[in-house]
Amino acid sequence: ISRDNAKNTVYLQMNSLKSEDTAV
C-alpha cells in the first residue's frame, strides 16, 4: 500500500496474485 498526498490517491500494488485474492 502507498499513497500520494499531492494527488489525493492511495494505491495497492498486488503481486504474485492467487485465486483466493479474487474479490471486490
mmCIF file of all heavy atoms, coordinates in Angstrom:
data_MODEL
# 
_entry.id   MODEL 
# 
loop_
_atom_site.group_PDB 
_atom_site.id 
_atom_site.type_symbol 
_atom_site.label_atom_id 
_atom_site.label_alt_id 
_atom_site.label_comp_id 
_atom_site.label_asym_id 
_atom_site.label_entity_id 
_atom_site.label_seq_id 
_atom_site.pdbx_PDB_ins_code 
_atom_site.Cartn_x 
_atom_site.Cartn_y 
_atom_site.Cartn_z 
_atom_site.occupancy 
_atom_site.B_iso_or_equiv 
_atom_site.pdbx_formal_charge 
_atom_site.auth_seq_id 
_atom_site.auth_comp_id 
_atom_site.auth_asym_id 
_atom_site.auth_atom_id 
_atom_site.pdbx_PDB_model_num 
ATOM 1   N N   . ILE A 1 1  ? 0.858   -1.187  0.000   1.00 0.00 ? 1  ILE A N   1 
ATOM 2   C CA  . ILE A 1 1  ? 0.000   0.000   0.000   1.00 0.00 ? 1  ILE A CA  1 
ATOM 3   C C   . ILE A 1 1  ? 0.894   1.237   0.000   1.00 0.00 ? 1  ILE A C   1 
ATOM 4   O O   . ILE A 1 1  ? 1.952   1.256   0.645   1.00 0.00 ? 1  ILE A O   1 
ATOM 5   C CB  . ILE A 1 1  ? -0.958  0.000   1.207   1.00 0.00 ? 1  ILE A CB  1 
ATOM 6   C CG1 . ILE A 1 1  ? -2.002  1.107   1.077   1.00 0.00 ? 1  ILE A CG1 1 
ATOM 7   C CG2 . ILE A 1 1  ? -0.210  0.089   2.532   1.00 0.00 ? 1  ILE A CG2 1 
ATOM 8   C CD1 . ILE A 1 1  ? -3.130  1.020   2.120   1.00 0.00 ? 1  ILE A CD1 1 
ATOM 9   N N   . SER A 1 2  ? 0.478   2.248   -0.732  1.00 0.00 ? 2  SER A N   1 
ATOM 10  C CA  . SER A 1 2  ? 1.205   3.508   -0.753  1.00 0.00 ? 2  SER A CA  1 
ATOM 11  C C   . SER A 1 2  ? 0.225   4.631   -1.026  1.00 0.00 ? 2  SER A C   1 
ATOM 12  O O   . SER A 1 2  ? -0.931  4.381   -1.388  1.00 0.00 ? 2  SER A O   1 
ATOM 13  C CB  . SER A 1 2  ? 2.311   3.479   -1.818  1.00 0.00 ? 2  SER A CB  1 
ATOM 14  O OG  . SER A 1 2  ? 1.761   3.321   -3.105  1.00 0.00 ? 2  SER A OG  1 
ATOM 15  N N   . ARG A 1 3  ? 0.686   5.831   -0.833  1.00 0.00 ? 3  ARG A N   1 
ATOM 16  C CA  . ARG A 1 3  ? -0.199  6.985   -1.062  1.00 0.00 ? 3  ARG A CA  1 
ATOM 17  C C   . ARG A 1 3  ? 0.611   8.148   -1.607  1.00 0.00 ? 3  ARG A C   1 
ATOM 18  O O   . ARG A 1 3  ? 1.799   8.296   -1.309  1.00 0.00 ? 3  ARG A O   1 
ATOM 19  C CB  . ARG A 1 3  ? -0.926  7.389   0.218   1.00 0.00 ? 3  ARG A CB  1 
ATOM 20  C CG  . ARG A 1 3  ? -0.054  7.866   1.346   1.00 0.00 ? 3  ARG A CG  1 
ATOM 21  C CD  . ARG A 1 3  ? -0.854  8.002   2.642   1.00 0.00 ? 3  ARG A CD  1 
ATOM 22  N NE  . ARG A 1 3  ? -1.866  9.044   2.533   1.00 0.00 ? 3  ARG A NE  1 
ATOM 23  C CZ  . ARG A 1 3  ? -2.927  9.107   3.344   1.00 0.00 ? 3  ARG A CZ  1 
ATOM 24  N NH1 . ARG A 1 3  ? -3.120  8.205   4.294   1.00 0.00 ? 3  ARG A NH1 1 
ATOM 25  N NH2 . ARG A 1 3  ? -3.824  10.089  3.198   1.00 0.00 ? 3  ARG A NH2 1 
ATOM 26  N N   . ASP A 1 4  ? -0.080  8.974   -2.366  1.00 0.00 ? 4  ASP A N   1 
ATOM 27  C CA  . ASP A 1 4  ? 0.492   10.213  -2.891  1.00 0.00 ? 4  ASP A CA  1 
ATOM 28  C C   . ASP A 1 4  ? -0.448  11.331  -2.452  1.00 0.00 ? 4  ASP A C   1 
ATOM 29  O O   . ASP A 1 4  ? -1.513  11.530  -3.061  1.00 0.00 ? 4  ASP A O   1 
ATOM 30  C CB  . ASP A 1 4  ? 0.606   10.134  -4.417  1.00 0.00 ? 4  ASP A CB  1 
ATOM 31  C CG  . ASP A 1 4  ? 1.295   11.343  -5.005  1.00 0.00 ? 4  ASP A CG  1 
ATOM 32  O OD1 . ASP A 1 4  ? 1.317   12.404  -4.352  1.00 0.00 ? 4  ASP A OD1 1 
ATOM 33  O OD2 . ASP A 1 4  ? 1.781   11.242  -6.139  1.00 0.00 ? 4  ASP A OD2 1 
ATOM 34  N N   . ASN A 1 5  ? -0.070  12.025  -1.402  1.00 0.00 ? 5  ASN A N   1 
ATOM 35  C CA  . ASN A 1 5  ? -0.963  13.052  -0.862  1.00 0.00 ? 5  ASN A CA  1 
ATOM 36  C C   . ASN A 1 5  ? -1.140  14.238  -1.801  1.00 0.00 ? 5  ASN A C   1 
ATOM 37  O O   . ASN A 1 5  ? -2.145  14.938  -1.735  1.00 0.00 ? 5  ASN A O   1 
ATOM 38  C CB  . ASN A 1 5  ? -0.457  13.509  0.507   1.00 0.00 ? 5  ASN A CB  1 
ATOM 39  C CG  . ASN A 1 5  ? -0.708  12.473  1.587   1.00 0.00 ? 5  ASN A CG  1 
ATOM 40  O OD1 . ASN A 1 5  ? -1.483  11.518  1.404   1.00 0.00 ? 5  ASN A OD1 1 
ATOM 41  N ND2 . ASN A 1 5  ? -0.045  12.615  2.728   1.00 0.00 ? 5  ASN A ND2 1 
ATOM 42  N N   . ALA A 1 6  ? -0.178  14.446  -2.685  1.00 0.00 ? 6  ALA A N   1 
ATOM 43  C CA  . ALA A 1 6  ? -0.312  15.530  -3.661  1.00 0.00 ? 6  ALA A CA  1 
ATOM 44  C C   . ALA A 1 6  ? -1.385  15.209  -4.697  1.00 0.00 ? 6  ALA A C   1 
ATOM 45  O O   . ALA A 1 6  ? -1.948  16.117  -5.315  1.00 0.00 ? 6  ALA A O   1 
ATOM 46  C CB  . ALA A 1 6  ? 1.021   15.780  -4.347  1.00 0.00 ? 6  ALA A CB  1 
ATOM 47  N N   . LYS A 1 7  ? -1.654  13.931  -4.883  1.00 0.00 ? 7  LYS A N   1 
ATOM 48  C CA  . LYS A 1 7  ? -2.649  13.505  -5.862  1.00 0.00 ? 7  LYS A CA  1 
ATOM 49  C C   . LYS A 1 7  ? -3.921  12.976  -5.224  1.00 0.00 ? 7  LYS A C   1 
ATOM 50  O O   . LYS A 1 7  ? -4.797  12.463  -5.918  1.00 0.00 ? 7  LYS A O   1 
ATOM 51  C CB  . LYS A 1 7  ? -2.053  12.428  -6.777  1.00 0.00 ? 7  LYS A CB  1 
ATOM 52  C CG  . LYS A 1 7  ? -0.893  12.907  -7.631  1.00 0.00 ? 7  LYS A CG  1 
ATOM 53  C CD  . LYS A 1 7  ? -0.380  11.800  -8.543  1.00 0.00 ? 7  LYS A CD  1 
ATOM 54  C CE  . LYS A 1 7  ? 0.736   12.311  -9.444  1.00 0.00 ? 7  LYS A CE  1 
ATOM 55  N NZ  . LYS A 1 7  ? 1.250   11.233  -10.337 1.00 0.00 ? 7  LYS A NZ  1 
ATOM 56  N N   . ASN A 1 8  ? -4.002  13.051  -3.899  1.00 0.00 ? 8  ASN A N   1 
ATOM 57  C CA  . ASN A 1 8  ? -5.187  12.534  -3.181  1.00 0.00 ? 8  ASN A CA  1 
ATOM 58  C C   . ASN A 1 8  ? -5.474  11.088  -3.563  1.00 0.00 ? 8  ASN A C   1 
ATOM 59  O O   . ASN A 1 8  ? -6.646  10.689  -3.709  1.00 0.00 ? 8  ASN A O   1 
ATOM 60  C CB  . ASN A 1 8  ? -6.426  13.389  -3.463  1.00 0.00 ? 8  ASN A CB  1 
ATOM 61  C CG  . ASN A 1 8  ? -6.394  14.720  -2.734  1.00 0.00 ? 8  ASN A CG  1 
ATOM 62  O OD1 . ASN A 1 8  ? -5.394  15.061  -2.104  1.00 0.00 ? 8  ASN A OD1 1 
ATOM 63  N ND2 . ASN A 1 8  ? -7.460  15.466  -2.822  1.00 0.00 ? 8  ASN A ND2 1 
ATOM 64  N N   . THR A 1 9  ? -4.439  10.300  -3.679  1.00 0.00 ? 9  THR A N   1 
ATOM 65  C CA  . THR A 1 9  ? -4.580  8.941   -4.198  1.00 0.00 ? 9  THR A CA  1 
ATOM 66  C C   . THR A 1 9  ? -3.861  7.937   -3.303  1.00 0.00 ? 9  THR A C   1 
ATOM 67  O O   . THR A 1 9  ? -2.748  8.197   -2.838  1.00 0.00 ? 9  THR A O   1 
ATOM 68  C CB  . THR A 1 9  ? -4.026  8.849   -5.621  1.00 0.00 ? 9  THR A CB  1 
ATOM 69  O OG1 . THR A 1 9  ? -4.710  9.786   -6.455  1.00 0.00 ? 9  THR A OG1 1 
ATOM 70  C CG2 . THR A 1 9  ? -4.215  7.449   -6.197  1.00 0.00 ? 9  THR A CG2 1 
ATOM 71  N N   . VAL A 1 10 ? -4.528  6.809   -3.100  1.00 0.00 ? 10 VAL A N   1 
ATOM 72  C CA  . VAL A 1 10 ? -3.902  5.681   -2.421  1.00 0.00 ? 10 VAL A CA  1 
ATOM 73  C C   . VAL A 1 10 ? -3.855  4.519   -3.418  1.00 0.00 ? 10 VAL A C   1 
ATOM 74  O O   . VAL A 1 10 ? -4.754  4.357   -4.239  1.00 0.00 ? 10 VAL A O   1 
ATOM 75  C CB  . VAL A 1 10 ? -4.665  5.298   -1.133  1.00 0.00 ? 10 VAL A CB  1 
ATOM 76  C CG1 . VAL A 1 10 ? -6.084  4.863   -1.426  1.00 0.00 ? 10 VAL A CG1 1 
ATOM 77  C CG2 . VAL A 1 10 ? -3.918  4.231   -0.355  1.00 0.00 ? 10 VAL A CG2 1 
ATOM 78  N N   . TYR A 1 11 ? -2.792  3.746   -3.328  1.00 0.00 ? 11 TYR A N   1 
ATOM 79  C CA  . TYR A 1 11 ? -2.551  2.648   -4.267  1.00 0.00 ? 11 TYR A CA  1 
ATOM 80  C C   . TYR A 1 11 ? -2.453  1.320   -3.520  1.00 0.00 ? 11 TYR A C   1 
ATOM 81  O O   . TYR A 1 11 ? -2.103  1.273   -2.343  1.00 0.00 ? 11 TYR A O   1 
ATOM 82  C CB  . TYR A 1 11 ? -1.245  2.873   -5.025  1.00 0.00 ? 11 TYR A CB  1 
ATOM 83  C CG  . TYR A 1 11 ? -1.170  4.174   -5.765  1.00 0.00 ? 11 TYR A CG  1 
ATOM 84  C CD1 . TYR A 1 11 ? -0.508  5.269   -5.209  1.00 0.00 ? 11 TYR A CD1 1 
ATOM 85  C CD2 . TYR A 1 11 ? -1.744  4.319   -7.024  1.00 0.00 ? 11 TYR A CD2 1 
ATOM 86  C CE1 . TYR A 1 11 ? -0.426  6.481   -5.878  1.00 0.00 ? 11 TYR A CE1 1 
ATOM 87  C CE2 . TYR A 1 11 ? -1.670  5.524   -7.705  1.00 0.00 ? 11 TYR A CE2 1 
ATOM 88  C CZ  . TYR A 1 11 ? -1.008  6.597   -7.129  1.00 0.00 ? 11 TYR A CZ  1 
ATOM 89  O OH  . TYR A 1 11 ? -0.934  7.795   -7.794  1.00 0.00 ? 11 TYR A OH  1 
ATOM 90  N N   . LEU A 1 12 ? -2.725  0.258   -4.243  1.00 0.00 ? 12 LEU A N   1 
ATOM 91  C CA  . LEU A 1 12 ? -2.462  -1.084  -3.748  1.00 0.00 ? 12 LEU A CA  1 
ATOM 92  C C   . LEU A 1 12 ? -1.797  -1.869  -4.868  1.00 0.00 ? 12 LEU A C   1 
ATOM 93  O O   . LEU A 1 12 ? -2.444  -2.217  -5.859  1.00 0.00 ? 12 LEU A O   1 
ATOM 94  C CB  . LEU A 1 12 ? -3.744  -1.778  -3.290  1.00 0.00 ? 12 LEU A CB  1 
ATOM 95  C CG  . LEU A 1 12 ? -3.530  -3.130  -2.610  1.00 0.00 ? 12 LEU A CG  1 
ATOM 96  C CD1 . LEU A 1 12 ? -2.828  -2.948  -1.259  1.00 0.00 ? 12 LEU A CD1 1 
ATOM 97  C CD2 . LEU A 1 12 ? -4.856  -3.874  -2.416  1.00 0.00 ? 12 LEU A CD2 1 
ATOM 98  N N   . GLN A 1 13 ? -0.500  -2.076  -4.722  1.00 0.00 ? 13 GLN A N   1 
ATOM 99  C CA  . GLN A 1 13 ? 0.248   -2.897  -5.675  1.00 0.00 ? 13 GLN A CA  1 
ATOM 100 C C   . GLN A 1 13 ? 0.114   -4.345  -5.252  1.00 0.00 ? 13 GLN A C   1 
ATOM 101 O O   . GLN A 1 13 ? 0.493   -4.699  -4.129  1.00 0.00 ? 13 GLN A O   1 
ATOM 102 C CB  . GLN A 1 13 ? 1.711   -2.485  -5.707  1.00 0.00 ? 13 GLN A CB  1 
ATOM 103 C CG  . GLN A 1 13 ? 2.569   -3.323  -6.641  1.00 0.00 ? 13 GLN A CG  1 
ATOM 104 C CD  . GLN A 1 13 ? 2.222   -3.150  -8.108  1.00 0.00 ? 13 GLN A CD  1 
ATOM 105 O OE1 . GLN A 1 13 ? 1.998   -2.024  -8.559  1.00 0.00 ? 13 GLN A OE1 1 
ATOM 106 N NE2 . GLN A 1 13 ? 2.143   -4.252  -8.843  1.00 0.00 ? 13 GLN A NE2 1 
ATOM 107 N N   . MET A 1 14 ? -0.417  -5.169  -6.138  1.00 0.00 ? 14 MET A N   1 
ATOM 108 C CA  . MET A 1 14 ? -0.672  -6.573  -5.827  1.00 0.00 ? 14 MET A CA  1 
ATOM 109 C C   . MET A 1 14 ? 0.159   -7.444  -6.749  1.00 0.00 ? 14 MET A C   1 
ATOM 110 O O   . MET A 1 14 ? -0.035  -7.429  -7.967  1.00 0.00 ? 14 MET A O   1 
ATOM 111 C CB  . MET A 1 14 ? -2.164  -6.886  -5.986  1.00 0.00 ? 14 MET A CB  1 
ATOM 112 C CG  . MET A 1 14 ? -3.062  -5.960  -5.181  1.00 0.00 ? 14 MET A CG  1 
ATOM 113 S SD  . MET A 1 14 ? -4.796  -6.458  -5.235  1.00 0.00 ? 14 MET A SD  1 
ATOM 114 C CE  . MET A 1 14 ? -5.146  -6.221  -6.973  1.00 0.00 ? 14 MET A CE  1 
ATOM 115 N N   . ASN A 1 15 ? 1.087   -8.184  -6.169  1.00 0.00 ? 15 ASN A N   1 
ATOM 116 C CA  . ASN A 1 15 ? 1.962   -9.079  -6.926  1.00 0.00 ? 15 ASN A CA  1 
ATOM 117 C C   . ASN A 1 15 ? 1.697   -10.528 -6.514  1.00 0.00 ? 15 ASN A C   1 
ATOM 118 O O   . ASN A 1 15 ? 1.081   -10.791 -5.473  1.00 0.00 ? 15 ASN A O   1 
ATOM 119 C CB  . ASN A 1 15 ? 3.422   -8.729  -6.664  1.00 0.00 ? 15 ASN A CB  1 
ATOM 120 C CG  . ASN A 1 15 ? 3.781   -7.333  -7.105  1.00 0.00 ? 15 ASN A CG  1 
ATOM 121 O OD1 . ASN A 1 15 ? 3.210   -6.793  -8.057  1.00 0.00 ? 15 ASN A OD1 1 
ATOM 122 N ND2 . ASN A 1 15 ? 4.737   -6.723  -6.412  1.00 0.00 ? 15 ASN A ND2 1 
ATOM 123 N N   . SER A 1 16 ? 2.170   -11.445 -7.331  1.00 0.00 ? 16 SER A N   1 
ATOM 124 C CA  . SER A 1 16 ? 2.029   -12.882 -7.044  1.00 0.00 ? 16 SER A CA  1 
ATOM 125 C C   . SER A 1 16 ? 0.592   -13.232 -6.672  1.00 0.00 ? 16 SER A C   1 
ATOM 126 O O   . SER A 1 16 ? 0.327   -13.913 -5.681  1.00 0.00 ? 16 SER A O   1 
ATOM 127 C CB  . SER A 1 16 ? 2.969   -13.292 -5.904  1.00 0.00 ? 16 SER A CB  1 
ATOM 128 O OG  . SER A 1 16 ? 4.310   -12.980 -6.228  1.00 0.00 ? 16 SER A OG  1 
ATOM 129 N N   . LEU A 1 17 ? -0.315  -12.765 -7.492  1.00 0.00 ? 17 LEU A N   1 
ATOM 130 C CA  . LEU A 1 17 ? -1.733  -12.936 -7.185  1.00 0.00 ? 17 LEU A CA  1 
ATOM 131 C C   . LEU A 1 17 ? -2.137  -14.403 -7.212  1.00 0.00 ? 17 LEU A C   1 
ATOM 132 O O   . LEU A 1 17 ? -1.633  -15.194 -8.020  1.00 0.00 ? 17 LEU A O   1 
ATOM 133 C CB  . LEU A 1 17 ? -2.585  -12.115 -8.149  1.00 0.00 ? 17 LEU A CB  1 
ATOM 134 C CG  . LEU A 1 17 ? -2.611  -10.620 -7.821  1.00 0.00 ? 17 LEU A CG  1 
ATOM 135 C CD1 . LEU A 1 17 ? -3.059  -9.806  -9.023  1.00 0.00 ? 17 LEU A CD1 1 
ATOM 136 C CD2 . LEU A 1 17 ? -3.537  -10.354 -6.640  1.00 0.00 ? 17 LEU A CD2 1 
ATOM 137 N N   . LYS A 1 18 ? -3.072  -14.721 -6.320  1.00 0.00 ? 18 LYS A N   1 
ATOM 138 C CA  . LYS A 1 18 ? -3.596  -16.076 -6.187  1.00 0.00 ? 18 LYS A CA  1 
ATOM 139 C C   . LYS A 1 18 ? -5.106  -16.060 -6.434  1.00 0.00 ? 18 LYS A C   1 
ATOM 140 O O   . LYS A 1 18 ? -5.753  -15.016 -6.315  1.00 0.00 ? 18 LYS A O   1 
ATOM 141 C CB  . LYS A 1 18 ? -3.330  -16.601 -4.780  1.00 0.00 ? 18 LYS A CB  1 
ATOM 142 C CG  . LYS A 1 18 ? -1.877  -16.539 -4.338  1.00 0.00 ? 18 LYS A CG  1 
ATOM 143 C CD  . LYS A 1 18 ? -1.726  -16.975 -2.892  1.00 0.00 ? 18 LYS A CD  1 
ATOM 144 C CE  . LYS A 1 18 ? -0.293  -16.893 -2.421  1.00 0.00 ? 18 LYS A CE  1 
ATOM 145 N NZ  . LYS A 1 18 ? -0.147  -17.304 -1.004  1.00 0.00 ? 18 LYS A NZ  1 
ATOM 146 N N   . SER A 1 19 ? -5.648  -17.219 -6.702  1.00 0.00 ? 19 SER A N   1 
ATOM 147 C CA  . SER A 1 19 ? -7.085  -17.297 -6.955  1.00 0.00 ? 19 SER A CA  1 
ATOM 148 C C   . SER A 1 19 ? -7.881  -16.797 -5.744  1.00 0.00 ? 19 SER A C   1 
ATOM 149 O O   . SER A 1 19 ? -8.943  -16.198 -5.896  1.00 0.00 ? 19 SER A O   1 
ATOM 150 C CB  . SER A 1 19 ? -7.492  -18.722 -7.311  1.00 0.00 ? 19 SER A CB  1 
ATOM 151 O OG  . SER A 1 19 ? -7.132  -19.620 -6.273  1.00 0.00 ? 19 SER A OG  1 
ATOM 152 N N   . GLU A 1 20 ? -7.345  -17.029 -4.555  1.00 0.00 ? 20 GLU A N   1 
ATOM 153 C CA  . GLU A 1 20 ? -8.052  -16.590 -3.347  1.00 0.00 ? 20 GLU A CA  1 
ATOM 154 C C   . GLU A 1 20 ? -8.023  -15.081 -3.132  1.00 0.00 ? 20 GLU A C   1 
ATOM 155 O O   . GLU A 1 20 ? -8.657  -14.569 -2.213  1.00 0.00 ? 20 GLU A O   1 
ATOM 156 C CB  . GLU A 1 20 ? -7.511  -17.299 -2.097  1.00 0.00 ? 20 GLU A CB  1 
ATOM 157 C CG  . GLU A 1 20 ? -6.010  -17.244 -1.942  1.00 0.00 ? 20 GLU A CG  1 
ATOM 158 C CD  . GLU A 1 20 ? -5.334  -18.503 -2.454  1.00 0.00 ? 20 GLU A CD  1 
ATOM 159 O OE1 . GLU A 1 20 ? -5.689  -18.989 -3.551  1.00 0.00 ? 20 GLU A OE1 1 
ATOM 160 O OE2 . GLU A 1 20 ? -4.414  -19.000 -1.748  1.00 0.00 ? 20 GLU A OE2 1 
ATOM 161 N N   . ASP A 1 21 ? -7.297  -14.367 -3.974  1.00 0.00 ? 21 ASP A N   1 
ATOM 162 C CA  . ASP A 1 21 ? -7.329  -12.898 -3.923  1.00 0.00 ? 21 ASP A CA  1 
ATOM 163 C C   . ASP A 1 21 ? -8.514  -12.333 -4.710  1.00 0.00 ? 21 ASP A C   1 
ATOM 164 O O   . ASP A 1 21 ? -8.756  -11.122 -4.663  1.00 0.00 ? 21 ASP A O   1 
ATOM 165 C CB  . ASP A 1 21 ? -6.036  -12.309 -4.489  1.00 0.00 ? 21 ASP A CB  1 
ATOM 166 C CG  . ASP A 1 21 ? -4.812  -12.657 -3.660  1.00 0.00 ? 21 ASP A CG  1 
ATOM 167 O OD1 . ASP A 1 21 ? -4.888  -12.604 -2.426  1.00 0.00 ? 21 ASP A OD1 1 
ATOM 168 O OD2 . ASP A 1 21 ? -3.771  -13.001 -4.273  1.00 0.00 ? 21 ASP A OD2 1 
ATOM 169 N N   . THR A 1 22 ? -9.222  -13.191 -5.414  1.00 0.00 ? 22 THR A N   1 
ATOM 170 C CA  . THR A 1 22 ? -10.388 -12.752 -6.161  1.00 0.00 ? 22 THR A CA  1 
ATOM 171 C C   . THR A 1 22 ? -11.431 -12.158 -5.222  1.00 0.00 ? 22 THR A C   1 
ATOM 172 O O   . THR A 1 22 ? -11.828 -12.787 -4.241  1.00 0.00 ? 22 THR A O   1 
ATOM 173 C CB  . THR A 1 22 ? -11.005 -13.931 -6.935  1.00 0.00 ? 22 THR A CB  1 
ATOM 174 O OG1 . THR A 1 22 ? -10.076 -14.375 -7.922  1.00 0.00 ? 22 THR A OG1 1 
ATOM 175 C CG2 . THR A 1 22 ? -12.309 -13.523 -7.615  1.00 0.00 ? 22 THR A CG2 1 
ATOM 176 N N   . ALA A 1 23 ? -11.831 -10.925 -5.493  1.00 0.00 ? 23 ALA A N   1 
ATOM 177 C CA  . ALA A 1 23 ? -12.767 -10.210 -4.614  1.00 0.00 ? 23 ALA A CA  1 
ATOM 178 C C   . ALA A 1 23 ? -13.064 -8.852  -5.226  1.00 0.00 ? 23 ALA A C   1 
ATOM 179 O O   . ALA A 1 23 ? -12.416 -8.436  -6.191  1.00 0.00 ? 23 ALA A O   1 
ATOM 180 C CB  . ALA A 1 23 ? -12.162 -10.020 -3.220  1.00 0.00 ? 23 ALA A CB  1 
ATOM 181 N N   . VAL A 1 24 ? -14.022 -8.173  -4.639  1.00 0.00 ? 24 VAL A N   1 
ATOM 182 C CA  . VAL A 1 24 ? -14.209 -6.754  -4.906  1.00 0.00 ? 24 VAL A CA  1 
ATOM 183 C C   . VAL A 1 24 ? -13.378 -6.000  -3.873  1.00 0.00 ? 24 VAL A C   1 
ATOM 184 O O   . VAL A 1 24 ? -13.482 -6.266  -2.669  1.00 0.00 ? 24 VAL A O   1 
ATOM 185 C CB  . VAL A 1 24 ? -15.689 -6.328  -4.809  1.00 0.00 ? 24 VAL A CB  1 
ATOM 186 C CG1 . VAL A 1 24 ? -15.820 -4.831  -5.052  1.00 0.00 ? 24 VAL A CG1 1 
ATOM 187 C CG2 . VAL A 1 24 ? -16.523 -7.123  -5.808  1.00 0.00 ? 24 VAL A CG2 1 
# 
